[in-house]
Amino acid sequence: MSTDGIGLFLMLASFALTFFFARMLGKRLKARREAERAKQAERDLARQSRQVRRAAQRKKQS
């Protein structure tokens, strides 16, 4: 391999490594966002059910 060939190989290898690293990082960030969104939805649902129970209790008392 000539010097140009080695340089080209190194460029392609670094591009591939960078691409796969960025892809892995993106997937991890996406999974974290999805988990946070699921937690938030669960908290919202719990808040709604508390509001419904309180409203039912107020209705029952009056």
PDB file of N, CA and C in Angstrom:
ATOM      1  N   MET A   1       0.839  -1.183   0.000  1.00  0.00           N
ATOM      2  CA  MET A   1       0.000   0.000   0.000  1.00  0.00           C
ATOM      3  C   MET A   1       0.879   1.240   0.000  1.00  0.00           C
ATOM      4  N   SER A   2       0.560   2.152  -0.827  1.00  0.00           N
ATOM      5  CA  SER A   2       1.332   3.393  -0.850  1.00  0.00           C
ATOM      6  C   SER A   2       0.856   4.304   0.279  1.00  0.00           C
ATOM      7  N   THR A   3       1.533   5.404   0.439  1.00  0.00           N
ATOM      8  CA  THR A   3       1.181   6.350   1.489  1.00  0.00           C
ATOM      9  C   THR A   3      -0.221   6.894   1.288  1.00  0.00           C
ATOM     10  N   ASP A   4      -0.595   7.147   0.028  1.00  0.00           N
ATOM     11  CA  ASP A   4      -1.942   7.645  -0.245  1.00  0.00           C
ATOM     12  C   ASP A   4      -2.995   6.605   0.131  1.00  0.00           C
ATOM     13  N   GLY A   5      -2.698   5.353  -0.149  1.00  0.00           N
ATOM     14  CA  GLY A   5      -3.630   4.280   0.194  1.00  0.00           C
ATOM     15  C   GLY A   5      -3.821   4.150   1.694  1.00  0.00           C
ATOM     16  N   ILE A   6      -2.726   4.286   2.429  1.00  0.00           N
ATOM     17  CA  ILE A   6      -2.810   4.202   3.891  1.00  0.00           C
ATOM     18  C   ILE A   6      -3.615   5.380   4.440  1.00  0.00           C
ATOM     19  N   GLY A   7      -3.369   6.554   3.901  1.00  0.00           N
ATOM     20  CA  GLY A   7      -4.120   7.735   4.337  1.00  0.00           C
ATOM     21  C   GLY A   7      -5.602   7.588   4.055  1.00  0.00           C
ATOM     22  N   LEU A   8      -5.921   7.073   2.864  1.00  0.00           N
ATOM     23  CA  LEU A   8      -7.323   6.860   2.510  1.00  0.00           C
ATOM     24  C   LEU A   8      -7.961   5.835   3.442  1.00  0.00           C
ATOM     25  N   PHE A   9      -7.232   4.758   3.705  1.00  0.00           N
ATOM     26  CA  PHE A   9      -7.743   3.728   4.611  1.00  0.00           C
ATOM     27  C   PHE A   9      -7.997   4.304   6.005  1.00  0.00           C
ATOM     28  N   LEU A  10      -7.053   5.108   6.501  1.00  0.00           N
ATOM     29  CA  LEU A  10      -7.227   5.712   7.821  1.00  0.00           C
ATOM     30  C   LEU A  10      -8.416   6.663   7.851  1.00  0.00           C
ATOM     31  N   MET A  11      -8.606   7.424   6.782  1.00  0.00           N
ATOM     32  CA  MET A  11      -9.756   8.327   6.720  1.00  0.00           C
ATOM     33  C   MET A  11     -11.063   7.548   6.737  1.00  0.00           C
ATOM     34  N   LEU A  12     -11.134   6.494   5.930  1.00  0.00           N
ATOM     35  CA  LEU A  12     -12.355   5.689   5.888  1.00  0.00           C
ATOM     36  C   LEU A  12     -12.614   4.999   7.228  1.00  0.00           C
ATOM     37  N   ALA A  13     -11.560   4.489   7.843  1.00  0.00           N
ATOM     38  CA  ALA A  13     -11.718   3.819   9.136  1.00  0.00           C
ATOM     39  C   ALA A  13     -12.187   4.804  10.204  1.00  0.00           C
ATOM     40  N   SER A  14     -11.610   5.993  10.215  1.00  0.00           N
ATOM     41  CA  SER A  14     -12.029   6.981  11.218  1.00  0.00           C
ATOM     42  C   SER A  14     -13.460   7.444  10.956  1.00  0.00           C
ATOM     43  N   PHE A  15     -13.839   7.570   9.679  1.00  0.00           N
ATOM     44  CA  PHE A  15     -15.218   7.927   9.352  1.00  0.00           C
ATOM     45  C   PHE A  15     -16.177   6.855   9.855  1.00  0.00           C
ATOM     46  N   ALA A  16     -15.837   5.583   9.613  1.00  0.00           N
ATOM     47  CA  ALA A  16     -16.709   4.483  10.036  1.00  0.00           C
ATOM     48  C   ALA A  16     -16.837   4.449  11.556  1.00  0.00           C
ATOM     49  N   LEU A  17     -15.713   4.594  12.256  1.00  0.00           N
ATOM     50  CA  LEU A  17     -15.767   4.583  13.721  1.00  0.00           C
ATOM     51  C   LEU A  17     -16.587   5.753  14.258  1.00  0.00           C
ATOM     52  N   THR A  18     -16.391   6.923  13.677  1.00  0.00           N
ATOM     53  CA  THR A  18     -17.151   8.096  14.103  1.00  0.00           C
ATOM     54  C   THR A  18     -18.634   7.897  13.848  1.00  0.00           C
ATOM     55  N   PHE A  19     -18.971   7.363  12.682  1.00  0.00           N
ATOM     56  CA  PHE A  19     -20.367   7.125  12.329  1.00  0.00           C
ATOM     57  C   PHE A  19     -21.023   6.168  13.320  1.00  0.00           C
ATOM     58  N   PHE A  20     -20.364   5.039  13.603  1.00  0.00           N
ATOM     59  CA  PHE A  20     -20.960   4.055  14.506  1.00  0.00           C
ATOM     60  C   PHE A  20     -21.030   4.567  15.944  1.00  0.00           C
ATOM     61  N   PHE A  21     -20.033   5.327  16.364  1.00  0.00           N
ATOM     62  CA  PHE A  21     -20.066   5.904  17.704  1.00  0.00           C
ATOM     63  C   PHE A  21     -21.219   6.902  17.832  1.00  0.00           C
ATOM     64  N   ALA A  22     -21.385   7.760  16.821  1.00  0.00           N
ATOM     65  CA  ALA A  22     -22.473   8.739  16.851  1.00  0.00           C
ATOM     66  C   ALA A  22     -23.831   8.038  16.818  1.00  0.00           C
ATOM     67  N   ARG A  23     -23.925   6.978  16.057  1.00  0.00           N
ATOM     68  CA  ARG A  23     -25.180   6.228  15.974  1.00  0.00           C
ATOM     69  C   ARG A  23     -25.518   5.595  17.326  1.00  0.00           C
ATOM     70  N   MET A  24     -24.511   5.017  17.971  1.00  0.00           N
ATOM     71  CA  MET A  24     -24.712   4.405  19.284  1.00  0.00           C
ATOM     72  C   MET A  24     -25.124   5.463  20.310  1.00  0.00           C
ATOM     73  N   LEU A  25     -24.461   6.602  20.268  1.00  0.00           N
ATOM     74  CA  LEU A  25     -24.785   7.686  21.182  1.00  0.00           C
ATOM     75  C   LEU A  25     -26.207   8.191  20.940  1.00  0.00           C
ATOM     76  N   GLY A  26     -26.594   8.330  19.679  1.00  0.00           N
ATOM     77  CA  GLY A  26     -27.946   8.765  19.343  1.00  0.00           C
ATOM     78  C   GLY A  26     -29.003   7.802  19.846  1.00  0.00           C
ATOM     79  N   LYS A  27     -28.746   6.513  19.709  1.00  0.00           N
ATOM     80  CA  LYS A  27     -29.707   5.516  20.198  1.00  0.00           C
ATOM     81  C   LYS A  27     -29.843   5.590  21.714  1.00  0.00           C
ATOM     82  N   ARG A  28     -28.713   5.792  22.384  1.00  0.00           N
ATOM     83  CA  ARG A  28     -28.755   5.880  23.846  1.00  0.00           C
ATOM     84  C   ARG A  28     -29.544   7.111  24.290  1.00  0.00           C
ATOM     85  N   LEU A  29     -29.317   8.245  23.627  1.00  0.00           N
ATOM     86  CA  LEU A  29     -30.050   9.461  23.979  1.00  0.00           C
ATOM     87  C   LEU A  29     -31.539   9.313  23.689  1.00  0.00           C
ATOM     88  N   LYS A  30     -31.863   8.660  22.580  1.00  0.00           N
ATOM     89  CA  LYS A  30     -33.269   8.435  22.240  1.00  0.00           C
ATOM     90  C   LYS A  30     -33.941   7.549  23.285  1.00  0.00           C
ATOM     91  N   ALA A  31     -33.250   6.509  23.727  1.00  0.00           N
ATOM     92  CA  ALA A  31     -33.805   5.617  24.751  1.00  0.00           C
ATOM     93  C   ALA A  31     -34.022   6.379  26.060  1.00  0.00           C
ATOM     94  N   ARG A  32     -33.082   7.257  26.390  1.00  0.00           N
ATOM     95  CA  ARG A  32     -33.226   8.041  27.620  1.00  0.00           C
ATOM     96  C   ARG A  32     -34.426   8.982  27.530  1.00  0.00           C
ATOM     97  N   ARG A  33     -34.595   9.623  26.363  1.00  0.00           N
ATOM     98  CA  ARG A  33     -35.752  10.509  26.185  1.00  0.00           C
ATOM     99  C   ARG A  33     -37.058   9.731  26.278  1.00  0.00           C
ATOM    100  N   GLU A  34     -37.101   8.550  25.662  1.00  0.00           N
ATOM    101  CA  GLU A  34     -38.308   7.721  25.718  1.00  0.00           C
ATOM    102  C   GLU A  34     -38.627   7.308  27.154  1.00  0.00           C
ATOM    103  N   ALA A  35     -37.604   6.950  27.918  1.00  0.00           N
ATOM    104  CA  ALA A  35     -37.822   6.557  29.312  1.00  0.00           C
ATOM    105  C   ALA A  35     -38.355   7.736  30.119  1.00  0.00           C
ATOM    106  N   GLU A  36     -37.801   8.913  29.887  1.00  0.00           N
ATOM    107  CA  GLU A  36     -38.270  10.109  30.598  1.00  0.00           C
ATOM    108  C   GLU A  36     -39.711  10.430  30.216  1.00  0.00           C
ATOM    109  N   ARG A  37     -40.028  10.284  28.931  1.00  0.00           N
ATOM    110  CA  ARG A  37     -41.394  10.535  28.467  1.00  0.00           C
ATOM    111  C   ARG A  37     -42.374   9.541  29.100  1.00  0.00           C
ATOM    112  N   ALA A  38     -41.970   8.284  29.217  1.00  0.00           N
ATOM    113  CA  ALA A  38     -42.831   7.271  29.834  1.00  0.00           C
ATOM    114  C   ALA A  38     -43.052   7.578  31.318  1.00  0.00           C
ATOM    115  N   LYS A  39     -41.983   8.003  32.004  1.00  0.00           N
ATOM    116  CA  LYS A  39     -42.125   8.372  33.422  1.00  0.00           C
ATOM    117  C   LYS A  39     -43.072   9.547  33.588  1.00  0.00           C
ATOM    118  N   GLN A  40     -42.941  10.536  32.710  1.00  0.00           N
ATOM    119  CA  GLN A  40     -43.800  11.718  32.787  1.00  0.00           C
ATOM    120  C   GLN A  40     -45.252  11.335  32.539  1.00  0.00           C
ATOM    121  N   ALA A  41     -45.493  10.455  31.572  1.00  0.00           N
ATOM    122  CA  ALA A  41     -46.860  10.004  31.292  1.00  0.00           C
ATOM    123  C   ALA A  41     -47.435   9.275  32.502  1.00  0.00           C
ATOM    124  N   GLU A  42     -46.607   8.485  33.165  1.00  0.00           N
ATOM    125  CA  GLU A  42     -47.067   7.768  34.362  1.00  0.00           C
ATOM    126  C   GLU A  42     -47.414   8.748  35.479  1.00  0.00           C
ATOM    127  N   ARG A  43     -46.583   9.778  35.653  1.00  0.00           N
ATOM    128  CA  ARG A  43     -46.873  10.791  36.679  1.00  0.00           C
ATOM    129  C   ARG A  43     -48.153  11.546  36.351  1.00  0.00           C
ATOM    130  N   ASP A  44     -48.349  11.884  35.076  1.00  0.00           N
ATOM    131  CA  ASP A  44     -49.569  12.586  34.677  1.00  0.00           C
ATOM    132  C   ASP A  44     -50.801  11.735  34.935  1.00  0.00           C
ATOM    133  N   LEU A  45     -50.704  10.450  34.634  1.00  0.00           N
ATOM    134  CA  LEU A  45     -51.824   9.546  34.867  1.00  0.00           C
ATOM    135  C   LEU A  45     -52.130   9.439  36.358  1.00  0.00           C
ATOM    136  N   ALA A  46     -51.104   9.364  37.185  1.00  0.00           N
ATOM    137  CA  ALA A  46     -51.312   9.306  38.638  1.00  0.00           C
ATOM    138  C   ALA A  46     -51.966  10.590  39.130  1.00  0.00           C
ATOM    139  N   ARG A  47     -51.541  11.728  38.605  1.00  0.00           N
ATOM    140  CA  ARG A  47     -52.131  13.012  38.998  1.00  0.00           C
ATOM    141  C   ARG A  47     -53.603  13.060  38.604  1.00  0.00           C
ATOM    142  N   GLN A  48     -53.915  12.600  37.396  1.00  0.00           N
ATOM    143  CA  GLN A  48     -55.308  12.595  36.944  1.00  0.00           C
ATOM    144  C   GLN A  48     -56.165  11.698  37.827  1.00  0.00           C
ATOM    145  N   SER A  49     -55.651  10.526  38.168  1.00  0.00           N
ATOM    146  CA  SER A  49     -56.452   9.614  38.984  1.00  0.00           C
ATOM    147  C   SER A  49     -56.662  10.190  40.383  1.00  0.00           C
ATOM    148  N   ARG A  50     -55.664  10.901  40.923  1.00  0.00           N
ATOM    149  CA  ARG A  50     -55.857  11.559  42.222  1.00  0.00           C
ATOM    150  C   ARG A  50     -56.940  12.620  42.118  1.00  0.00           C
ATOM    151  N   GLN A  51     -56.921  13.387  41.034  1.00  0.00           N
ATOM    152  CA  GLN A  51     -57.935  14.424  40.852  1.00  0.00           C
ATOM    153  C   GLN A  51     -59.322  13.809  40.746  1.00  0.00           C
ATOM    154  N   VAL A  52     -59.431  12.687  40.040  1.00  0.00           N
ATOM    155  CA  VAL A  52     -60.725  12.023  39.892  1.00  0.00           C
ATOM    156  C   VAL A  52     -61.212  11.514  41.245  1.00  0.00           C
ATOM    157  N   ARG A  53     -60.317  10.922  42.029  1.00  0.00           N
ATOM    158  CA  ARG A  53     -60.715  10.423  43.359  1.00  0.00           C
ATOM    159  C   ARG A  53     -61.152  11.565  44.264  1.00  0.00           C
ATOM    160  N   ARG A  54     -60.422  12.675  44.227  1.00  0.00           N
ATOM    161  CA  ARG A  54     -60.799  13.832  45.056  1.00  0.00           C
ATOM    162  C   ARG A  54     -62.153  14.388  44.640  1.00  0.00           C
ATOM    163  N   ALA A  55     -62.370  14.491  43.333  1.00  0.00           N
ATOM    164  CA  ALA A  55     -63.652  15.010  42.848  1.00  0.00           C
ATOM    165  C   ALA A  55     -64.791  14.082  43.263  1.00  0.00           C
ATOM    166  N   ALA A  56     -64.576  12.787  43.183  1.00  0.00           N
ATOM    167  CA  ALA A  56     -65.612  11.830  43.581  1.00  0.00           C
ATOM    168  C   ALA A  56     -65.895  11.946  45.073  1.00  0.00           C
ATOM    169  N   GLN A  57     -64.845  12.155  45.863  1.00  0.00           N
ATOM    170  CA  GLN A  57     -65.042  12.288  47.302  1.00  0.00           C
ATOM    171  C   GLN A  57     -65.794  13.575  47.633  1.00  0.00           C
ATOM    172  N   ARG A  58     -65.460  14.673  46.947  1.00  0.00           N
ATOM    173  CA  ARG A  58     -66.182  15.934  47.175  1.00  0.00           C
ATOM    174  C   ARG A  58     -67.645  15.785  46.798  1.00  0.00           C
ATOM    175  N   LYS A  59     -67.889  15.108  45.692  1.00  0.00           N
ATOM    176  CA  LYS A  59     -69.262  14.904  45.232  1.00  0.00           C
ATOM    177  C   LYS A  59     -70.031  14.055  46.249  1.00  0.00           C
ATOM    178  N   LYS A  60     -69.359  13.080  46.801  1.00  0.00           N
ATOM    179  CA  LYS A  60     -69.974  12.186  47.774  1.00  0.00           C
ATOM    180  C   LYS A  60     -70.304  12.941  49.066  1.00  0.00           C
ATOM    181  N   GLN A  61     -69.429  13.880  49.466  1.00  0.00           N
ATOM    182  CA  GLN A  61     -69.632  14.628  50.705  1.00  0.00           C
ATOM    183  C   GLN A  61     -70.763  15.641  50.576  1.00  0.00           C
ATOM    184  N   SER A  62     -71.004  16.167  49.393  1.00  0.00           N
ATOM    185  CA  SER A  62     -72.049  17.196  49.257  1.00  0.00           C
ATOM    186  C   SER A  62     -73.387  16.630  48.894  1.00  0.00           C
TER     187      SER A  62
END
